[in-house]
Amino acid sequence: MILPGKHIRQDRALISIGGDILSVLSEPAPVSDIWQNVRSLRATRPNSSPLSYDWFILSLTLLHAIYAVELKGDKIVPAKRRT
């Protein structure tokens, strides 16, 4: 589920979807904008699996759990690097 494997295609793995989220997250944005941008990005790829909102939220939750994104008010922002 988190990583691709025998039964999970690479574009369906949460870590891959998280990469898509981070690639469209150049500035703070509300979840709805990120959702639209990720869907647009995936629509440009041939043979891309459909992405449900639930799977998108799971991926966003994973990113928050590994400190890759933070919630600032009502916007999602890339997390600052910890040293």
PDB file of N, CA and C in Angstrom:
ATOM      1  N   MET A   1       0.824  -1.194   0.000  1.00  0.00           N
ATOM      2  CA  MET A   1       0.000   0.000   0.000  1.00  0.00           C
ATOM      3  C   MET A   1       0.869   1.260   0.000  1.00  0.00           C
ATOM      4  N   ILE A   2       1.853   1.285   0.884  1.00  0.00           N
ATOM      5  CA  ILE A   2       2.720   2.456   0.918  1.00  0.00           C
ATOM      6  C   ILE A   2       3.718   2.403  -0.227  1.00  0.00           C
ATOM      7  N   LEU A   3       4.295   1.236  -0.420  1.00  0.00           N
ATOM      8  CA  LEU A   3       5.257   1.032  -1.505  1.00  0.00           C
ATOM      9  C   LEU A   3       4.635   0.160  -2.589  1.00  0.00           C
ATOM     10  N   PRO A   4       5.107   0.285  -3.832  1.00  0.00           N
ATOM     11  CA  PRO A   4       4.600  -0.601  -4.879  1.00  0.00           C
ATOM     12  C   PRO A   4       5.042  -2.038  -4.595  1.00  0.00           C
ATOM     13  N   GLY A   5       4.267  -2.958  -5.064  1.00  0.00           N
ATOM     14  CA  GLY A   5       4.600  -4.359  -4.844  1.00  0.00           C
ATOM     15  C   GLY A   5       3.896  -5.241  -5.840  1.00  0.00           C
ATOM     16  N   LYS A   6       3.743  -6.476  -5.474  1.00  0.00           N
ATOM     17  CA  LYS A   6       3.150  -7.464  -6.362  1.00  0.00           C
ATOM     18  C   LYS A   6       1.711  -7.115  -6.742  1.00  0.00           C
ATOM     19  N   HIS A   7       0.964  -6.583  -5.800  1.00  0.00           N
ATOM     20  CA  HIS A   7      -0.452  -6.299  -6.039  1.00  0.00           C
ATOM     21  C   HIS A   7      -0.782  -4.808  -6.102  1.00  0.00           C
ATOM     22  N   ILE A   8       0.212  -3.951  -5.954  1.00  0.00           N
ATOM     23  CA  ILE A   8       0.004  -2.498  -6.021  1.00  0.00           C
ATOM     24  C   ILE A   8       0.892  -1.936  -7.121  1.00  0.00           C
ATOM     25  N   ARG A   9       0.262  -1.354  -8.132  1.00  0.00           N
ATOM     26  CA  ARG A   9       1.032  -0.728  -9.207  1.00  0.00           C
ATOM     27  C   ARG A   9       1.801   0.473  -8.670  1.00  0.00           C
ATOM     28  N   GLN A  10       2.867   0.821  -9.360  1.00  0.00           N
ATOM     29  CA  GLN A  10       3.715   1.918  -8.911  1.00  0.00           C
ATOM     30  C   GLN A  10       2.943   3.226  -8.785  1.00  0.00           C
ATOM     31  N   ASP A  11       2.066   3.531  -9.733  1.00  0.00           N
ATOM     32  CA  ASP A  11       1.344   4.799  -9.684  1.00  0.00           C
ATOM     33  C   ASP A  11       0.213   4.795  -8.661  1.00  0.00           C
ATOM     34  N   ARG A  12      -0.079   3.625  -8.045  1.00  0.00           N
ATOM     35  CA  ARG A  12      -1.105   3.544  -7.007  1.00  0.00           C
ATOM     36  C   ARG A  12      -0.513   3.547  -5.602  1.00  0.00           C
ATOM     37  N   ALA A  13       0.796   3.372  -5.474  1.00  0.00           N
ATOM     38  CA  ALA A  13       1.436   3.350  -4.163  1.00  0.00           C
ATOM     39  C   ALA A  13       1.348   4.737  -3.523  1.00  0.00           C
ATOM     40  N   LEU A  14       1.115   4.757  -2.236  1.00  0.00           N
ATOM     41  CA  LEU A  14       0.961   6.029  -1.531  1.00  0.00           C
ATOM     42  C   LEU A  14       2.209   6.895  -1.647  1.00  0.00           C
ATOM     43  N   ILE A  15       3.367   6.278  -1.666  1.00  0.00           N
ATOM     44  CA  ILE A  15       4.599   7.064  -1.759  1.00  0.00           C
ATOM     45  C   ILE A  15       4.714   7.738  -3.129  1.00  0.00           C
ATOM     46  N   SER A  16       4.232   7.089  -4.172  1.00  0.00           N
ATOM     47  CA  SER A  16       4.250   7.692  -5.511  1.00  0.00           C
ATOM     48  C   SER A  16       3.270   8.845  -5.608  1.00  0.00           C
ATOM     49  N   ILE A  17       2.108   8.668  -5.035  1.00  0.00           N
ATOM     50  CA  ILE A  17       1.115   9.747  -5.018  1.00  0.00           C
ATOM     51  C   ILE A  17       1.636  10.903  -4.175  1.00  0.00           C
ATOM     52  N   GLY A  18       2.345  10.575  -3.084  1.00  0.00           N
ATOM     53  CA  GLY A  18       2.972  11.615  -2.275  1.00  0.00           C
ATOM     54  C   GLY A  18       3.987  12.412  -3.066  1.00  0.00           C
ATOM     55  N   GLY A  19       4.718  11.745  -3.938  1.00  0.00           N
ATOM     56  CA  GLY A  19       5.660  12.437  -4.821  1.00  0.00           C
ATOM     57  C   GLY A  19       4.945  13.394  -5.759  1.00  0.00           C
ATOM     58  N   ASP A  20       3.787  12.958  -6.265  1.00  0.00           N
ATOM     59  CA  ASP A  20       2.978  13.846  -7.108  1.00  0.00           C
ATOM     60  C   ASP A  20       2.515  15.066  -6.320  1.00  0.00           C
ATOM     61  N   ILE A  21       2.098  14.829  -5.085  1.00  0.00           N
ATOM     62  CA  ILE A  21       1.641  15.943  -4.235  1.00  0.00           C
ATOM     63  C   ILE A  21       2.776  16.935  -4.013  1.00  0.00           C
ATOM     64  N   LEU A  22       3.944  16.428  -3.661  1.00  0.00           N
ATOM     65  CA  LEU A  22       5.083  17.325  -3.421  1.00  0.00           C
ATOM     66  C   LEU A  22       5.510  18.062  -4.684  1.00  0.00           C
ATOM     67  N   SER A  23       5.328  17.429  -5.843  1.00  0.00           N
ATOM     68  CA  SER A  23       5.740  18.085  -7.079  1.00  0.00           C
ATOM     69  C   SER A  23       4.828  19.255  -7.457  1.00  0.00           C
ATOM     70  N   VAL A  24       3.571  19.222  -7.026  1.00  0.00           N
ATOM     71  CA  VAL A  24       2.670  20.341  -7.333  1.00  0.00           C
ATOM     72  C   VAL A  24       2.593  21.346  -6.187  1.00  0.00           C
ATOM     73  N   LEU A  25       3.258  21.061  -5.088  1.00  0.00           N
ATOM     74  CA  LEU A  25       3.174  21.909  -3.892  1.00  0.00           C
ATOM     75  C   LEU A  25       4.369  22.855  -3.845  1.00  0.00           C
ATOM     76  N   SER A  26       4.358  23.858  -4.700  1.00  0.00           N
ATOM     77  CA  SER A  26       5.468  24.811  -4.725  1.00  0.00           C
ATOM     78  C   SER A  26       5.247  25.972  -3.756  1.00  0.00           C
ATOM     79  N   GLU A  27       4.006  26.193  -3.375  1.00  0.00           N
ATOM     80  CA  GLU A  27       3.670  27.244  -2.420  1.00  0.00           C
ATOM     81  C   GLU A  27       2.499  26.760  -1.578  1.00  0.00           C
ATOM     82  N   PRO A  28       2.244  27.382  -0.434  1.00  0.00           N
ATOM     83  CA  PRO A  28       1.117  26.951   0.393  1.00  0.00           C
ATOM     84  C   PRO A  28      -0.188  26.932  -0.404  1.00  0.00           C
ATOM     85  N   ALA A  29      -0.960  25.855  -0.210  1.00  0.00           N
ATOM     86  CA  ALA A  29      -2.197  25.711  -0.970  1.00  0.00           C
ATOM     87  C   ALA A  29      -3.223  24.940  -0.155  1.00  0.00           C
ATOM     88  N   PRO A  30      -4.502  25.230  -0.356  1.00  0.00           N
ATOM     89  CA  PRO A  30      -5.540  24.435   0.299  1.00  0.00           C
ATOM     90  C   PRO A  30      -5.614  23.038  -0.325  1.00  0.00           C
ATOM     91  N   VAL A  31      -6.162  22.113   0.414  1.00  0.00           N
ATOM     92  CA  VAL A  31      -6.260  20.724  -0.038  1.00  0.00           C
ATOM     93  C   VAL A  31      -6.987  20.627  -1.372  1.00  0.00           C
ATOM     94  N   SER A  32      -8.034  21.402  -1.556  1.00  0.00           N
ATOM     95  CA  SER A  32      -8.807  21.321  -2.803  1.00  0.00           C
ATOM     96  C   SER A  32      -7.963  21.692  -4.018  1.00  0.00           C
ATOM     97  N   ASP A  33      -7.091  22.678  -3.888  1.00  0.00           N
ATOM     98  CA  ASP A  33      -6.220  23.061  -5.001  1.00  0.00           C
ATOM     99  C   ASP A  33      -5.184  21.975  -5.297  1.00  0.00           C
ATOM    100  N   ILE A  34      -4.632  21.398  -4.248  1.00  0.00           N
ATOM    101  CA  ILE A  34      -3.652  20.325  -4.426  1.00  0.00           C
ATOM    102  C   ILE A  34      -4.316  19.137  -5.107  1.00  0.00           C
ATOM    103  N   TRP A  35      -5.525  18.800  -4.686  1.00  0.00           N
ATOM    104  CA  TRP A  35      -6.288  17.699  -5.274  1.00  0.00           C
ATOM    105  C   TRP A  35      -6.490  17.921  -6.769  1.00  0.00           C
ATOM    106  N   GLN A  36      -6.897  19.118  -7.145  1.00  0.00           N
ATOM    107  CA  GLN A  36      -7.108  19.426  -8.563  1.00  0.00           C
ATOM    108  C   GLN A  36      -5.805  19.348  -9.351  1.00  0.00           C
ATOM    109  N   ASN A  37      -4.731  19.879  -8.787  1.00  0.00           N
ATOM    110  CA  ASN A  37      -3.436  19.873  -9.473  1.00  0.00           C
ATOM    111  C   ASN A  37      -2.886  18.460  -9.653  1.00  0.00           C
ATOM    112  N   VAL A  38      -3.048  17.631  -8.638  1.00  0.00           N
ATOM    113  CA  VAL A  38      -2.582  16.241  -8.738  1.00  0.00           C
ATOM    114  C   VAL A  38      -3.410  15.489  -9.779  1.00  0.00           C
ATOM    115  N   ARG A  39      -4.709  15.697  -9.781  1.00  0.00           N
ATOM    116  CA  ARG A  39      -5.554  15.036 -10.784  1.00  0.00           C
ATOM    117  C   ARG A  39      -5.176  15.482 -12.192  1.00  0.00           C
ATOM    118  N   SER A  40      -4.899  16.757 -12.372  1.00  0.00           N
ATOM    119  CA  SER A  40      -4.477  17.265 -13.685  1.00  0.00           C
ATOM    120  C   SER A  40      -3.138  16.663 -14.099  1.00  0.00           C
ATOM    121  N   LEU A  41      -2.206  16.580 -13.160  1.00  0.00           N
ATOM    122  CA  LEU A  41      -0.902  16.002 -13.440  1.00  0.00           C
ATOM    123  C   LEU A  41      -1.035  14.547 -13.873  1.00  0.00           C
ATOM    124  N   ARG A  42      -1.835  13.791 -13.141  1.00  0.00           N
ATOM    125  CA  ARG A  42      -1.991  12.370 -13.455  1.00  0.00           C
ATOM    126  C   ARG A  42      -2.752  12.153 -14.759  1.00  0.00           C
ATOM    127  N   ALA A  43      -3.600  13.080 -15.129  1.00  0.00           N
ATOM    128  CA  ALA A  43      -4.360  12.952 -16.373  1.00  0.00           C
ATOM    129  C   ALA A  43      -3.461  13.061 -17.593  1.00  0.00           C
ATOM    130  N   THR A  44      -2.303  13.691 -17.441  1.00  0.00           N
ATOM    131  CA  THR A  44      -1.386  13.853 -18.573  1.00  0.00           C
ATOM    132  C   THR A  44      -0.544  12.602 -18.816  1.00  0.00           C
ATOM    133  N   ARG A  45      -0.544  11.674 -17.872  1.00  0.00           N
ATOM    134  CA  ARG A  45       0.272  10.467 -17.988  1.00  0.00           C
ATOM    135  C   ARG A  45      -0.512   9.345 -18.663  1.00  0.00           C
ATOM    136  N   PRO A  46       0.099   8.673 -19.618  1.00  0.00           N
ATOM    137  CA  PRO A  46      -0.588   7.540 -20.241  1.00  0.00           C
ATOM    138  C   PRO A  46      -0.686   6.358 -19.268  1.00  0.00           C
ATOM    139  N   ASN A  47      -1.779   5.645 -19.318  1.00  0.00           N
ATOM    140  CA  ASN A  47      -2.015   4.438 -18.505  1.00  0.00           C
ATOM    141  C   ASN A  47      -1.990   4.696 -17.005  1.00  0.00           C
ATOM    142  N   SER A  48      -2.292   5.898 -16.583  1.00  0.00           N
ATOM    143  CA  SER A  48      -2.318   6.220 -15.162  1.00  0.00           C
ATOM    144  C   SER A  48      -3.606   5.679 -14.534  1.00  0.00           C
ATOM    145  N   SER A  49      -3.471   5.103 -13.352  1.00  0.00           N
ATOM    146  CA  SER A  49      -4.634   4.579 -12.638  1.00  0.00           C
ATOM    147  C   SER A  49      -5.500   5.726 -12.136  1.00  0.00           C
ATOM    148  N   PRO A  50      -6.812   5.511 -12.042  1.00  0.00           N
ATOM    149  CA  PRO A  50      -7.664   6.547 -11.446  1.00  0.00           C
ATOM    150  C   PRO A  50      -7.284   6.753  -9.982  1.00  0.00           C
ATOM    151  N   LEU A  51      -7.411   7.966  -9.533  1.00  0.00           N
ATOM    152  CA  LEU A  51      -7.066   8.299  -8.155  1.00  0.00           C
ATOM    153  C   LEU A  51      -8.323   8.731  -7.418  1.00  0.00           C
ATOM    154  N   SER A  52      -8.659   8.000  -6.362  1.00  0.00           N
ATOM    155  CA  SER A  52      -9.815   8.392  -5.558  1.00  0.00           C
ATOM    156  C   SER A  52      -9.380   9.427  -4.522  1.00  0.00           C
ATOM    157  N   TYR A  53     -10.349  10.179  -4.045  1.00  0.00           N
ATOM    158  CA  TYR A  53     -10.057  11.201  -3.043  1.00  0.00           C
ATOM    159  C   TYR A  53      -9.552  10.548  -1.753  1.00  0.00           C
ATOM    160  N   ASP A  54     -10.094   9.397  -1.403  1.00  0.00           N
ATOM    161  CA  ASP A  54      -9.653   8.695  -0.199  1.00  0.00           C
ATOM    162  C   ASP A  54      -8.175   8.331  -0.284  1.00  0.00           C
ATOM    163  N   TRP A  55      -7.753   7.834  -1.442  1.00  0.00           N
ATOM    164  CA  TRP A  55      -6.357   7.444  -1.630  1.00  0.00           C
ATOM    165  C   TRP A  55      -5.459   8.679  -1.586  1.00  0.00           C
ATOM    166  N   PHE A  56      -5.927   9.788  -2.131  1.00  0.00           N
ATOM    167  CA  PHE A  56      -5.202  11.060  -2.087  1.00  0.00           C
ATOM    168  C   PHE A  56      -5.008  11.509  -0.637  1.00  0.00           C
ATOM    169  N   ILE A  57      -6.063  11.437   0.153  1.00  0.00           N
ATOM    170  CA  ILE A  57      -5.986  11.851   1.568  1.00  0.00           C
ATOM    171  C   ILE A  57      -5.058  10.925   2.354  1.00  0.00           C
ATOM    172  N   LEU A  58      -5.095   9.621   2.067  1.00  0.00           N
ATOM    173  CA  LEU A  58      -4.167   8.700   2.730  1.00  0.00           C
ATOM    174  C   LEU A  58      -2.717   9.080   2.431  1.00  0.00           C
ATOM    175  N   SER A  59      -2.461   9.434   1.197  1.00  0.00           N
ATOM    176  CA  SER A  59      -1.109   9.841   0.812  1.00  0.00           C
ATOM    177  C   SER A  59      -0.709  11.147   1.502  1.00  0.00           C
ATOM    178  N   LEU A  60      -1.626  12.087   1.574  1.00  0.00           N
ATOM    179  CA  LEU A  60      -1.363  13.349   2.268  1.00  0.00           C
ATOM    180  C   LEU A  60      -1.097  13.095   3.751  1.00  0.00           C
ATOM    181  N   THR A  61      -1.824  12.173   4.346  1.00  0.00           N
ATOM    182  CA  THR A  61      -1.614  11.797   5.739  1.00  0.00           C
ATOM    183  C   THR A  61      -0.243  11.164   5.934  1.00  0.00           C
ATOM    184  N   LEU A  62       0.162  10.324   4.983  1.00  0.00           N
ATOM    185  CA  LEU A  62       1.498   9.731   5.042  1.00  0.00           C
ATOM    186  C   LEU A  62       2.562  10.816   4.998  1.00  0.00           C
ATOM    187  N   LEU A  63       2.411  11.777   4.105  1.00  0.00           N
ATOM    188  CA  LEU A  63       3.378  12.875   4.019  1.00  0.00           C
ATOM    189  C   LEU A  63       3.450  13.655   5.331  1.00  0.00           C
ATOM    190  N   HIS A  64       2.316  13.853   5.966  1.00  0.00           N
ATOM    191  CA  HIS A  64       2.302  14.556   7.255  1.00  0.00           C
ATOM    192  C   HIS A  64       2.979  13.707   8.330  1.00  0.00           C
ATOM    193  N   ALA A  65       2.757  12.397   8.296  1.00  0.00           N
ATOM    194  CA  ALA A  65       3.338  11.504   9.297  1.00  0.00           C
ATOM    195  C   ALA A  65       4.859  11.435   9.205  1.00  0.00           C
ATOM    196  N   ILE A  66       5.395  11.594   8.008  1.00  0.00           N
ATOM    197  CA  ILE A  66       6.856  11.548   7.852  1.00  0.00           C
ATOM    198  C   ILE A  66       7.467  12.956   7.811  1.00  0.00           C
ATOM    199  N   TYR A  67       6.681  13.930   8.216  1.00  0.00           N
ATOM    200  CA  TYR A  67       7.120  15.329   8.314  1.00  0.00           C
ATOM    201  C   TYR A  67       7.550  15.922   6.982  1.00  0.00           C
ATOM    202  N   ALA A  68       6.881  15.535   5.897  1.00  0.00           N
ATOM    203  CA  ALA A  68       7.179  16.106   4.582  1.00  0.00           C
ATOM    204  C   ALA A  68       6.317  17.324   4.297  1.00  0.00           C
ATOM    205  N   VAL A  69       5.149  17.404   4.936  1.00  0.00           N
ATOM    206  CA  VAL A  69       4.267  18.567   4.795  1.00  0.00           C
ATOM    207  C   VAL A  69       3.753  18.973   6.168  1.00  0.00           C
ATOM    208  N   GLU A  70       3.331  20.221   6.265  1.00  0.00           N
ATOM    209  CA  GLU A  70       2.761  20.754   7.497  1.00  0.00           C
ATOM    210  C   GLU A  70       1.463  21.476   7.178  1.00  0.00           C
ATOM    211  N   LEU A  71       0.643  21.624   8.177  1.00  0.00           N
ATOM    212  CA  LEU A  71      -0.600  22.375   8.047  1.00  0.00           C
ATOM    213  C   LEU A  71      -0.397  23.735   8.701  1.00  0.00           C
ATOM    214  N   LYS A  72      -0.546  24.791   7.929  1.00  0.00           N
ATOM    215  CA  LYS A  72      -0.445  26.165   8.432  1.00  0.00           C
ATOM    216  C   LYS A  72      -1.785  26.840   8.170  1.00  0.00           C
ATOM    217  N   GLY A  73      -2.577  26.985   9.197  1.00  0.00           N
ATOM    218  CA  GLY A  73      -3.918  27.536   9.016  1.00  0.00           C
ATOM    219  C   GLY A  73      -4.757  26.559   8.227  1.00  0.00           C
ATOM    220  N   ASP A  74      -5.229  26.983   7.074  1.00  0.00           N
ATOM    221  CA  ASP A  74      -6.027  26.094   6.222  1.00  0.00           C
ATOM    222  C   ASP A  74      -5.248  25.673   4.972  1.00  0.00           C
ATOM    223  N   LYS A  75      -3.933  25.834   5.000  1.00  0.00           N
ATOM    224  CA  LYS A  75      -3.116  25.516   3.823  1.00  0.00           C
ATOM    225  C   LYS A  75      -2.057  24.458   4.166  1.00  0.00           C
ATOM    226  N   ILE A  76      -1.736  23.669   3.173  1.00  0.00           N
ATOM    227  CA  ILE A  76      -0.680  22.672   3.281  1.00  0.00           C
ATOM    228  C   ILE A  76       0.606  23.312   2.731  1.00  0.00           C
ATOM    229  N   VAL A  77       1.695  23.158   3.454  1.00  0.00           N
ATOM    230  CA  VAL A  77       2.980  23.703   3.012  1.00  0.00           C
ATOM    231  C   VAL A  77       4.043  22.608   3.118  1.00  0.00           C
ATOM    232  N   PRO A  78       5.044  22.648   2.244  1.00  0.00           N
ATOM    233  CA  PRO A  78       6.157  21.702   2.402  1.00  0.00           C
ATOM    234  C   PRO A  78       6.854  21.964   3.728  1.00  0.00           C
ATOM    235  N   ALA A  79       7.225  20.911   4.415  1.00  0.00           N
ATOM    236  CA  ALA A  79       7.877  21.060   5.722  1.00  0.00           C
ATOM    237  C   ALA A  79       9.295  21.568   5.562  1.00  0.00           C
ATOM    238  N   LYS A  80       9.739  22.304   6.549  1.00  0.00           N
ATOM    239  CA  LYS A  80      11.130  22.753   6.566  1.00  0.00           C
ATOM    240  C   LYS A  80      12.017  21.555   6.919  1.00  0.00           C
ATOM    241  N   ARG A  81      13.198  21.541   6.336  1.00  0.00           N
ATOM    242  CA  ARG A  81      14.128  20.445   6.610  1.00  0.00           C
ATOM    243  C   ARG A  81      14.606  20.507   8.050  1.00  0.00           C
ATOM    244  N   ARG A  82      14.645  19.344   8.664  1.00  0.00           N
ATOM    245  CA  ARG A  82      15.163  19.253  10.035  1.00  0.00           C
ATOM    246  C   ARG A  82      16.616  18.832   9.972  1.00  0.00           C
ATOM    247  N   THR A  83      17.432  19.471  10.763  1.00  0.00           N
ATOM    248  CA  THR A  83      18.850  19.104  10.774  1.00  0.00           C
ATOM    249  C   THR A  83      19.274  18.576  12.111  1.00  0.00           C
TER     250      THR A  83
END
